[in-house]
Amino acid sequence: MNNFFKRGFLVEATGEVYPSSNQSVCQSIEEFISPSQKLEFLSQKKPVTFYLDGILYQAEVNEAQSRGGYFINCTEVKETK
């Protein structure tokens, strides 16, 4: 049976009221990641994509409906071979 649930994590957007620039999205991700993890950005343009410990993720900015503010939804991307 296929796994219908994608793996991922949420990052609270830092700095701006709305993280409009790609640079602010990348900066928020860099601040969230532990120094012991290996982070490599594949694309810093929308959609921001990056490798974290060898796993490909895509980042998308969303509004936090219940409490205001914004978060960055980082979802694992399955690479096709």
N, C-alpha and C. Protein backbone atom coordinates (compact mmCIF):
# COMPACT_ATOMS: atom_id res chain seq x y z
N MET A 1 0.84 -1.18 0.00
CA MET A 1 0.00 0.00 0.00
C MET A 1 0.89 1.24 0.00
N ASN A 2 0.53 2.24 -0.77
CA ASN A 2 1.31 3.46 -0.86
C ASN A 2 1.19 4.29 0.40
N ASN A 3 2.25 5.01 0.70
CA ASN A 3 2.22 5.93 1.84
C ASN A 3 1.67 7.26 1.34
N PHE A 4 0.46 7.63 1.79
CA PHE A 4 -0.19 8.84 1.33
C PHE A 4 0.20 10.07 2.12
N PHE A 5 0.93 9.90 3.19
CA PHE A 5 1.30 11.02 4.04
C PHE A 5 2.74 11.42 3.76
N LYS A 6 2.92 12.67 3.41
CA LYS A 6 4.27 13.17 3.17
C LYS A 6 4.90 13.58 4.49
N ARG A 7 6.18 13.41 4.58
CA ARG A 7 6.91 13.83 5.77
C ARG A 7 7.28 15.29 5.63
N GLY A 8 7.37 15.97 6.75
CA GLY A 8 7.74 17.37 6.71
C GLY A 8 7.79 17.98 8.09
N PHE A 9 7.97 19.28 8.13
CA PHE A 9 8.02 20.01 9.38
C PHE A 9 7.63 21.46 9.13
N LEU A 10 7.28 22.15 10.21
CA LEU A 10 6.87 23.55 10.14
C LEU A 10 7.94 24.43 10.77
N VAL A 11 8.17 25.58 10.16
CA VAL A 11 9.12 26.56 10.66
C VAL A 11 8.36 27.87 10.84
N GLU A 12 8.46 28.47 12.02
CA GLU A 12 7.82 29.76 12.22
C GLU A 12 8.62 30.83 11.47
N ALA A 13 7.92 31.64 10.68
CA ALA A 13 8.58 32.69 9.92
C ALA A 13 9.09 33.76 10.88
N THR A 14 10.33 34.16 10.69
CA THR A 14 10.93 35.16 11.57
C THR A 14 11.20 36.44 10.81
N GLY A 15 11.35 37.52 11.55
CA GLY A 15 11.75 38.78 10.93
C GLY A 15 10.60 39.63 10.46
N GLU A 16 10.10 39.36 9.28
CA GLU A 16 9.10 40.21 8.66
C GLU A 16 7.69 39.82 9.09
N VAL A 17 6.76 40.76 8.87
CA VAL A 17 5.36 40.47 9.12
C VAL A 17 4.89 39.38 8.16
N TYR A 18 5.26 39.51 6.89
CA TYR A 18 5.02 38.46 5.89
C TYR A 18 6.33 38.18 5.19
N PRO A 19 6.79 36.95 5.24
CA PRO A 19 8.08 36.63 4.62
C PRO A 19 7.97 36.62 3.10
N SER A 20 7.97 37.82 2.52
CA SER A 20 7.73 37.95 1.09
C SER A 20 8.93 37.58 0.24
N SER A 21 10.11 37.79 0.75
CA SER A 21 11.28 37.51 -0.07
C SER A 21 11.77 36.08 0.14
N ASN A 22 12.33 35.55 -0.92
CA ASN A 22 12.90 34.20 -0.84
C ASN A 22 14.03 34.15 0.17
N GLN A 23 14.77 35.25 0.28
CA GLN A 23 15.89 35.31 1.22
C GLN A 23 15.40 35.16 2.66
N SER A 24 14.26 35.78 3.00
CA SER A 24 13.76 35.67 4.37
C SER A 24 13.25 34.26 4.66
N VAL A 25 12.73 33.58 3.65
CA VAL A 25 12.31 32.18 3.82
C VAL A 25 13.54 31.31 4.10
N CYS A 26 14.58 31.49 3.32
CA CYS A 26 15.82 30.73 3.51
C CYS A 26 16.44 31.02 4.87
N GLN A 27 16.41 32.27 5.28
CA GLN A 27 16.98 32.65 6.57
C GLN A 27 16.21 32.00 7.72
N SER A 28 14.90 31.96 7.64
CA SER A 28 14.09 31.33 8.69
C SER A 28 14.41 29.84 8.78
N ILE A 29 14.59 29.19 7.64
CA ILE A 29 14.93 27.76 7.63
C ILE A 29 16.31 27.55 8.24
N GLU A 30 17.28 28.38 7.87
CA GLU A 30 18.64 28.26 8.42
C GLU A 30 18.65 28.43 9.93
N GLU A 31 17.84 29.35 10.46
CA GLU A 31 17.78 29.58 11.90
C GLU A 31 17.14 28.40 12.63
N PHE A 32 16.23 27.69 11.97
CA PHE A 32 15.52 26.58 12.58
C PHE A 32 16.37 25.31 12.65
N ILE A 33 17.20 25.11 11.64
CA ILE A 33 17.97 23.87 11.51
C ILE A 33 19.12 23.83 12.53
N SER A 34 19.34 22.67 13.09
CA SER A 34 20.44 22.46 14.03
C SER A 34 21.78 22.52 13.29
N PRO A 35 22.81 23.06 13.95
CA PRO A 35 24.14 23.12 13.29
C PRO A 35 24.70 21.74 12.92
N SER A 36 24.22 20.69 13.59
CA SER A 36 24.73 19.35 13.30
C SER A 36 24.08 18.75 12.05
N GLN A 37 23.02 19.39 11.54
CA GLN A 37 22.36 18.89 10.34
C GLN A 37 22.99 19.54 9.11
N LYS A 38 22.99 18.79 8.00
CA LYS A 38 23.57 19.29 6.75
C LYS A 38 22.45 19.90 5.91
N LEU A 39 22.57 21.20 5.65
CA LEU A 39 21.57 21.95 4.87
C LEU A 39 22.21 22.47 3.59
N GLU A 40 21.58 22.18 2.44
CA GLU A 40 22.07 22.67 1.15
C GLU A 40 20.87 23.12 0.32
N PHE A 41 20.84 24.41 -0.03
CA PHE A 41 19.74 24.93 -0.84
C PHE A 41 19.95 24.57 -2.30
N LEU A 42 18.94 23.98 -2.89
CA LEU A 42 18.97 23.63 -4.31
C LEU A 42 18.48 24.81 -5.13
N SER A 43 17.42 25.47 -4.64
CA SER A 43 16.88 26.65 -5.29
C SER A 43 16.43 27.64 -4.21
N GLN A 44 16.86 28.88 -4.33
CA GLN A 44 16.45 29.90 -3.37
C GLN A 44 15.36 30.79 -3.95
N LYS A 45 14.81 30.39 -5.09
CA LYS A 45 13.66 31.07 -5.69
C LYS A 45 12.42 30.23 -5.43
N LYS A 46 11.26 30.87 -5.49
CA LYS A 46 10.02 30.13 -5.21
C LYS A 46 9.76 29.11 -6.30
N PRO A 47 9.45 27.88 -5.95
CA PRO A 47 9.43 27.35 -4.60
C PRO A 47 10.84 27.04 -4.10
N VAL A 48 11.12 27.43 -2.88
CA VAL A 48 12.43 27.17 -2.27
C VAL A 48 12.56 25.66 -2.07
N THR A 49 13.64 25.09 -2.56
CA THR A 49 13.89 23.66 -2.37
C THR A 49 15.28 23.50 -1.76
N PHE A 50 15.40 22.50 -0.90
CA PHE A 50 16.67 22.28 -0.22
C PHE A 50 16.80 20.83 0.21
N TYR A 51 18.05 20.43 0.39
CA TYR A 51 18.36 19.11 0.95
C TYR A 51 18.69 19.29 2.42
N LEU A 52 18.08 18.48 3.25
CA LEU A 52 18.39 18.45 4.67
C LEU A 52 18.77 17.02 5.01
N ASP A 53 20.02 16.82 5.37
CA ASP A 53 20.55 15.49 5.64
C ASP A 53 20.26 14.51 4.50
N GLY A 54 20.39 15.00 3.26
CA GLY A 54 20.23 14.15 2.09
C GLY A 54 18.80 13.94 1.62
N ILE A 55 17.83 14.56 2.27
CA ILE A 55 16.42 14.43 1.89
C ILE A 55 15.96 15.74 1.28
N LEU A 56 15.30 15.67 0.12
CA LEU A 56 14.84 16.85 -0.60
C LEU A 56 13.53 17.37 -0.01
N TYR A 57 13.47 18.69 0.27
CA TYR A 57 12.27 19.34 0.80
C TYR A 57 11.92 20.54 -0.06
N GLN A 58 10.63 20.89 -0.04
CA GLN A 58 10.13 22.09 -0.70
C GLN A 58 9.44 22.94 0.35
N ALA A 59 9.71 24.26 0.35
CA ALA A 59 9.17 25.16 1.36
C ALA A 59 8.09 26.06 0.76
N GLU A 60 7.01 26.23 1.52
CA GLU A 60 5.89 27.07 1.09
C GLU A 60 5.40 27.88 2.29
N VAL A 61 5.17 29.18 2.09
CA VAL A 61 4.71 30.06 3.16
C VAL A 61 3.20 29.97 3.27
N ASN A 62 2.71 29.79 4.51
CA ASN A 62 1.28 29.73 4.78
C ASN A 62 0.95 30.62 5.97
N GLU A 63 -0.31 31.06 6.03
CA GLU A 63 -0.77 31.89 7.14
C GLU A 63 -1.26 30.99 8.27
N ALA A 64 -0.87 31.33 9.50
CA ALA A 64 -1.34 30.60 10.68
C ALA A 64 -2.72 31.16 11.04
N GLN A 65 -3.77 30.47 10.70
CA GLN A 65 -5.14 30.97 10.84
C GLN A 65 -5.54 31.24 12.28
N SER A 66 -5.18 30.38 13.18
CA SER A 66 -5.69 30.48 14.55
C SER A 66 -5.02 31.57 15.38
N ARG A 67 -3.75 31.85 15.14
CA ARG A 67 -3.05 32.80 16.00
C ARG A 67 -2.40 33.95 15.26
N GLY A 68 -2.61 34.01 13.98
CA GLY A 68 -1.98 35.06 13.19
C GLY A 68 -0.53 34.73 12.91
N GLY A 69 0.09 35.51 12.09
CA GLY A 69 1.48 35.27 11.72
C GLY A 69 1.57 34.28 10.57
N TYR A 70 2.79 33.87 10.29
CA TYR A 70 3.03 32.99 9.16
C TYR A 70 3.99 31.87 9.55
N PHE A 71 3.85 30.75 8.85
CA PHE A 71 4.78 29.65 9.04
C PHE A 71 5.20 29.13 7.67
N ILE A 72 6.30 28.41 7.67
CA ILE A 72 6.84 27.84 6.44
C ILE A 72 6.66 26.33 6.53
N ASN A 73 5.91 25.80 5.60
CA ASN A 73 5.64 24.37 5.56
C ASN A 73 6.70 23.71 4.67
N CYS A 74 7.54 22.90 5.27
CA CYS A 74 8.60 22.19 4.55
C CYS A 74 8.17 20.75 4.36
N THR A 75 7.95 20.36 3.11
CA THR A 75 7.42 19.03 2.79
C THR A 75 8.45 18.23 2.00
N GLU A 76 8.59 16.97 2.38
CA GLU A 76 9.52 16.09 1.67
C GLU A 76 9.03 15.88 0.25
N VAL A 77 9.96 15.95 -0.70
CA VAL A 77 9.64 15.73 -2.11
C VAL A 77 10.23 14.38 -2.51
N LYS A 78 9.38 13.53 -3.04
CA LYS A 78 9.86 12.22 -3.52
C LYS A 78 10.51 12.42 -4.88
N GLU A 79 11.77 12.08 -4.96
CA GLU A 79 12.50 12.23 -6.22
C GLU A 79 12.17 11.07 -7.14
N THR A 80 11.90 11.38 -8.39
CA THR A 80 11.63 10.33 -9.37
C THR A 80 12.95 9.98 -10.06
N LYS A 81 13.13 8.72 -10.29
CA LYS A 81 14.39 8.27 -10.91
C LYS A 81 14.13 7.71 -12.27
